Amino acid sequence: MSVMRYWLDPLEQESLPVCPVCGEECETVYTDINSEVCGCNNCISEYDAWEYYDDEDPDPDRERGWACRDD
Protein backbone atom coordinates (compact mmCIF):
# COMPACT_ATOMS: atom_id res chain seq x y z
CA MET A 1 0.00 0.00 0.00
CA SER A 2 1.42 3.35 -0.93
CA VAL A 3 1.76 6.16 1.58
CA MET A 4 -0.64 8.31 -0.46
CA ARG A 5 -3.37 5.64 -0.33
CA TYR A 6 -2.85 5.17 3.43
CA TRP A 7 -3.57 8.85 4.09
CA LEU A 8 -6.61 8.96 1.81
CA ASP A 9 -8.39 5.90 3.22
CA PRO A 10 -10.82 6.72 6.04
CA LEU A 11 -9.86 5.27 9.38
CA GLU A 12 -12.02 2.45 10.64
CA GLN A 13 -13.71 3.43 13.88
CA GLU A 14 -13.85 0.79 16.55
CA SER A 15 -17.24 0.48 18.20
CA LEU A 16 -17.38 0.90 21.97
CA PRO A 17 -18.35 -2.00 24.22
CA VAL A 18 -22.05 -2.30 25.06
CA CYS A 19 -23.36 -2.34 28.64
CA PRO A 20 -25.13 -5.65 29.42
CA VAL A 21 -27.60 -3.81 31.70
CA CYS A 22 -28.82 -0.86 29.61
CA GLY A 23 -27.54 -1.80 26.14
CA GLU A 24 -25.82 1.56 25.53
CA GLU A 25 -22.25 1.97 24.31
CA CYS A 26 -20.01 2.72 27.28
CA GLU A 27 -16.45 3.31 28.35
CA THR A 28 -16.68 2.01 31.93
CA VAL A 29 -18.56 -1.00 33.34
CA TYR A 30 -19.13 -1.27 37.10
CA THR A 31 -19.27 -4.53 39.03
CA ASP A 32 -20.44 -5.42 42.53
CA ILE A 33 -18.48 -7.32 45.19
CA ASN A 34 -19.38 -10.60 43.43
CA SER A 35 -17.87 -9.36 40.13
CA GLU A 36 -21.34 -9.18 38.54
CA VAL A 37 -21.98 -6.22 36.25
CA CYS A 38 -24.26 -3.58 37.84
CA GLY A 39 -24.23 -1.10 34.98
CA CYS A 40 -22.10 1.45 33.19
CA ASN A 41 -21.18 5.11 33.24
CA ASN A 42 -24.50 5.81 31.44
CA CYS A 43 -26.95 4.00 33.71
CA ILE A 44 -25.43 4.30 37.20
CA SER A 45 -25.58 7.46 39.31
CA GLU A 46 -23.01 8.42 41.90
CA TYR A 47 -24.12 9.81 45.27
CA ASP A 48 -22.20 11.16 48.22
CA ALA A 49 -22.91 8.59 50.95
CA TRP A 50 -23.59 11.20 53.64
CA GLU A 51 -26.05 13.08 51.46
CA TYR A 52 -27.70 9.84 50.28
CA TYR A 53 -28.54 8.73 53.82
CA ASP A 54 -29.29 12.23 55.18
CA ASP A 55 -31.89 13.31 52.61
CA GLU A 56 -35.59 13.09 53.39
CA ASP A 57 -36.03 10.04 51.12
CA PRO A 58 -37.65 11.63 48.04
CA ASP A 59 -38.39 8.14 46.66
CA PRO A 60 -40.04 5.98 49.37
CA ASP A 61 -39.67 2.84 47.20
CA ARG A 62 -35.88 3.23 47.01
CA GLU A 63 -34.05 0.50 48.87
CA ARG A 64 -31.31 1.71 51.19
CA GLY A 65 -28.09 -0.28 51.02
CA TRP A 66 -26.26 -2.01 48.20
CA ALA A 67 -27.33 -0.65 44.83
CA CYS A 68 -26.31 -3.73 42.84
CA ARG A 69 -27.82 -6.62 44.73
CA ASP A 70 -30.78 -8.61 43.43
CA ASP A 71 -32.56 -9.44 46.73
C-alpha atoms as a PDB file:
ATOM      1  CA  MET A   1       0.000   0.000   0.000  1.00  0.00           C
ATOM      2  CA  SER A   2       1.423   3.345  -0.926  1.00  0.00           C
ATOM      3  CA  VAL A   3       1.765   6.162   1.581  1.00  0.00           C
ATOM      4  CA  MET A   4      -0.640   8.308  -0.458  1.00  0.00           C
ATOM      5  CA  ARG A   5      -3.370   5.643  -0.330  1.00  0.00           C
ATOM      6  CA  TYR A   6      -2.846   5.174   3.426  1.00  0.00           C
ATOM      7  CA  TRP A   7      -3.567   8.855   4.095  1.00  0.00           C
ATOM      8  CA  LEU A   8      -6.609   8.960   1.809  1.00  0.00           C
ATOM      9  CA  ASP A   9      -8.394   5.900   3.224  1.00  0.00           C
ATOM     10  CA  PRO A  10     -10.823   6.721   6.042  1.00  0.00           C
ATOM     11  CA  LEU A  11      -9.858   5.266   9.380  1.00  0.00           C
ATOM     12  CA  GLU A  12     -12.016   2.449  10.639  1.00  0.00           C
ATOM     13  CA  GLN A  13     -13.710   3.426  13.878  1.00  0.00           C
ATOM     14  CA  GLU A  14     -13.848   0.793  16.551  1.00  0.00           C
ATOM     15  CA  SER A  15     -17.242   0.480  18.204  1.00  0.00           C
ATOM     16  CA  LEU A  16     -17.377   0.903  21.969  1.00  0.00           C
ATOM     17  CA  PRO A  17     -18.349  -2.003  24.216  1.00  0.00           C
ATOM     18  CA  VAL A  18     -22.051  -2.299  25.065  1.00  0.00           C
ATOM     19  CA  CYS A  19     -23.359  -2.345  28.642  1.00  0.00           C
ATOM     20  CA  PRO A  20     -25.133  -5.653  29.416  1.00  0.00           C
ATOM     21  CA  VAL A  21     -27.604  -3.808  31.700  1.00  0.00           C
ATOM     22  CA  CYS A  22     -28.821  -0.859  29.611  1.00  0.00           C
ATOM     23  CA  GLY A  23     -27.545  -1.803  26.136  1.00  0.00           C
ATOM     24  CA  GLU A  24     -25.821   1.564  25.528  1.00  0.00           C
ATOM     25  CA  GLU A  25     -22.247   1.966  24.312  1.00  0.00           C
ATOM     26  CA  CYS A  26     -20.012   2.718  27.276  1.00  0.00           C
ATOM     27  CA  GLU A  27     -16.448   3.313  28.350  1.00  0.00           C
ATOM     28  CA  THR A  28     -16.685   2.008  31.931  1.00  0.00           C
ATOM     29  CA  VAL A  29     -18.560  -0.996  33.337  1.00  0.00           C
ATOM     30  CA  TYR A  30     -19.128  -1.271  37.103  1.00  0.00           C
ATOM     31  CA  THR A  31     -19.271  -4.526  39.027  1.00  0.00           C
ATOM     32  CA  ASP A  32     -20.442  -5.419  42.534  1.00  0.00           C
ATOM     33  CA  ILE A  33     -18.476  -7.321  45.187  1.00  0.00           C
ATOM     34  CA  ASN A  34     -19.378 -10.600  43.431  1.00  0.00           C
ATOM     35  CA  SER A  35     -17.873  -9.362  40.126  1.00  0.00           C
ATOM     36  CA  GLU A  36     -21.336  -9.178  38.544  1.00  0.00           C
ATOM     37  CA  VAL A  37     -21.983  -6.216  36.253  1.00  0.00           C
ATOM     38  CA  CYS A  38     -24.259  -3.581  37.843  1.00  0.00           C
ATOM     39  CA  GLY A  39     -24.232  -1.098  34.983  1.00  0.00           C
ATOM     40  CA  CYS A  40     -22.099   1.446  33.191  1.00  0.00           C
ATOM     41  CA  ASN A  41     -21.184   5.115  33.239  1.00  0.00           C
ATOM     42  CA  ASN A  42     -24.500   5.810  31.436  1.00  0.00           C
ATOM     43  CA  CYS A  43     -26.954   3.997  33.713  1.00  0.00           C
ATOM     44  CA  ILE A  44     -25.434   4.301  37.205  1.00  0.00           C
ATOM     45  CA  SER A  45     -25.576   7.460  39.308  1.00  0.00           C
ATOM     46  CA  GLU A  46     -23.005   8.424  41.901  1.00  0.00           C
ATOM     47  CA  TYR A  47     -24.115   9.813  45.266  1.00  0.00           C
ATOM     48  CA  ASP A  48     -22.198  11.158  48.220  1.00  0.00           C
ATOM     49  CA  ALA A  49     -22.908   8.589  50.953  1.00  0.00           C
ATOM     50  CA  TRP A  50     -23.591  11.202  53.637  1.00  0.00           C
ATOM     51  CA  GLU A  51     -26.051  13.084  51.456  1.00  0.00           C
ATOM     52  CA  TYR A  52     -27.699   9.840  50.277  1.00  0.00           C
ATOM     53  CA  TYR A  53     -28.542   8.734  53.817  1.00  0.00           C
ATOM     54  CA  ASP A  54     -29.285  12.231  55.182  1.00  0.00           C
ATOM     55  CA  ASP A  55     -31.887  13.306  52.613  1.00  0.00           C
ATOM     56  CA  GLU A  56     -35.587  13.092  53.386  1.00  0.00           C
ATOM     57  CA  ASP A  57     -36.033  10.040  51.124  1.00  0.00           C
ATOM     58  CA  PRO A  58     -37.655  11.627  48.044  1.00  0.00           C
ATOM     59  CA  ASP A  59     -38.388   8.138  46.661  1.00  0.00           C
ATOM     60  CA  PRO A  60     -40.041   5.980  49.365  1.00  0.00           C
ATOM     61  CA  ASP A  61     -39.669   2.843  47.197  1.00  0.00           C
ATOM     62  CA  ARG A  62     -35.878   3.225  47.009  1.00  0.00           C
ATOM     63  CA  GLU A  63     -34.054   0.502  48.874  1.00  0.00           C
ATOM     64  CA  ARG A  64     -31.314   1.709  51.193  1.00  0.00           C
ATOM     65  CA  GLY A  65     -28.086  -0.283  51.021  1.00  0.00           C
ATOM     66  CA  TRP A  66     -26.259  -2.010  48.201  1.00  0.00           C
ATOM     67  CA  ALA A  67     -27.333  -0.648  44.829  1.00  0.00           C
ATOM     68  CA  CYS A  68     -26.307  -3.731  42.842  1.00  0.00           C
ATOM     69  CA  ARG A  69     -27.817  -6.618  44.734  1.00  0.00           C
ATOM     70  CA  ASP A  70     -30.780  -8.612  43.435  1.00  0.00           C
ATOM     71  CA  ASP A  71     -32.559  -9.438  46.734  1.00  0.00           C
END
